[in-house]
Amino acid sequence: MKTETLVRVLAGTMTLVSVALVHFFGPVWLLLTCFVGLNLLQSAVTGFCPPTWLLRKMGWVDAQDVIHWGGQR
C-alpha cells in the first residue's frame, strides 16, 4: 500500500468515526472532524503529514512510498 492511500483511508475512517461519535455522544465530537479537515489542508499546503512521518521514522516506508508493515526486509 502506498502512503497516499493510507492517508486517505485514515482520514475517511476518522471522519466516519467522528460522525458516529457526534450521533451517539454529542456535537463536541465535531471538533475531531474539524481536526481531520485542518490536518488534510495543512498537509496539502506544507507537504508534512504526521502518519507518513511516523511510518518513515519507524522504517516502514521505502523510497517509492510503499509501506512495508513491520519494517523493510
Protein backbone atom coordinates (compact mmCIF):
# COMPACT_ATOMS: atom_id res chain seq x y z
CA MET A 1 0.00 0.00 0.00
CA LYS A 2 1.27 3.48 -0.81
CA THR A 3 1.39 6.17 1.86
CA GLU A 4 -1.06 8.37 -0.07
CA THR A 5 -3.65 5.59 0.03
CA LEU A 6 -3.12 5.07 3.75
CA VAL A 7 -3.61 8.77 4.46
CA ARG A 8 -6.92 8.72 2.56
CA VAL A 9 -8.06 5.62 4.45
CA LEU A 10 -7.13 7.18 7.81
CA ALA A 11 -8.86 10.49 7.01
CA GLY A 12 -12.02 8.77 5.81
CA THR A 13 -12.11 6.44 8.80
CA MET A 14 -11.59 9.25 11.31
CA THR A 15 -14.33 11.31 9.64
CA LEU A 16 -16.80 8.42 9.82
CA VAL A 17 -15.83 7.70 13.43
CA SER A 18 -16.40 11.34 14.35
CA VAL A 19 -19.85 11.28 12.72
CA ALA A 20 -20.75 8.23 14.79
CA LEU A 21 -19.41 9.90 17.95
CA VAL A 22 -21.48 13.03 17.22
CA HIS A 23 -24.57 10.89 16.76
CA PHE A 24 -24.14 8.88 19.96
CA PHE A 25 -22.34 11.29 22.33
CA GLY A 26 -22.93 14.87 21.23
CA PRO A 27 -21.78 17.69 18.97
CA VAL A 28 -18.47 18.29 20.76
CA TRP A 29 -17.07 15.46 18.64
CA LEU A 30 -17.38 17.71 15.58
CA LEU A 31 -14.02 19.05 16.75
CA LEU A 32 -12.49 15.75 15.63
CA THR A 33 -13.95 16.27 12.15
CA CYS A 34 -12.51 19.80 12.11
CA PHE A 35 -9.11 18.49 13.20
CA VAL A 36 -9.08 15.91 10.39
CA GLY A 37 -10.05 18.55 7.82
CA LEU A 38 -7.44 21.03 9.06
CA ASN A 39 -4.78 18.33 9.05
CA LEU A 40 -5.61 17.46 5.44
CA LEU A 41 -5.41 21.14 4.45
CA GLN A 42 -2.07 21.74 6.17
CA SER A 43 -0.72 18.54 4.65
CA ALA A 44 -1.68 19.73 1.17
CA VAL A 45 -0.10 23.15 1.74
CA THR A 46 3.07 22.19 3.62
CA GLY A 47 3.68 18.62 2.47
CA PHE A 48 4.05 17.46 6.10
CA CYS A 49 1.83 14.51 7.01
CA PRO A 50 2.07 13.11 10.57
CA PRO A 51 1.10 9.48 9.72
CA THR A 52 3.63 9.35 6.87
CA TRP A 53 6.29 10.97 9.07
CA LEU A 54 5.66 8.36 11.79
CA LEU A 55 5.86 5.45 9.33
CA ARG A 56 9.13 6.81 7.93
CA LYS A 57 10.59 7.16 11.45
CA MET A 58 9.65 3.52 12.10
CA GLY A 59 11.41 2.47 8.87
CA TRP A 60 8.26 1.08 7.26
CA VAL A 61 8.29 3.20 4.07
CA ASP A 62 10.71 2.65 1.20
CA ALA A 63 11.97 5.15 -1.40
CA GLN A 64 8.91 4.61 -3.61
CA ASP A 65 6.50 5.49 -0.73
CA VAL A 66 5.37 1.88 -0.38
CA ILE A 67 4.54 0.78 3.15
CA HIS A 68 6.09 -2.46 4.43
CA TRP A 69 4.16 -3.35 7.59
CA GLY A 70 6.58 -4.40 10.28
CA GLY A 71 9.59 -2.88 8.54
CA GLN A 72 11.59 -3.39 5.38
CA ARG A 73 13.38 -6.63 4.67
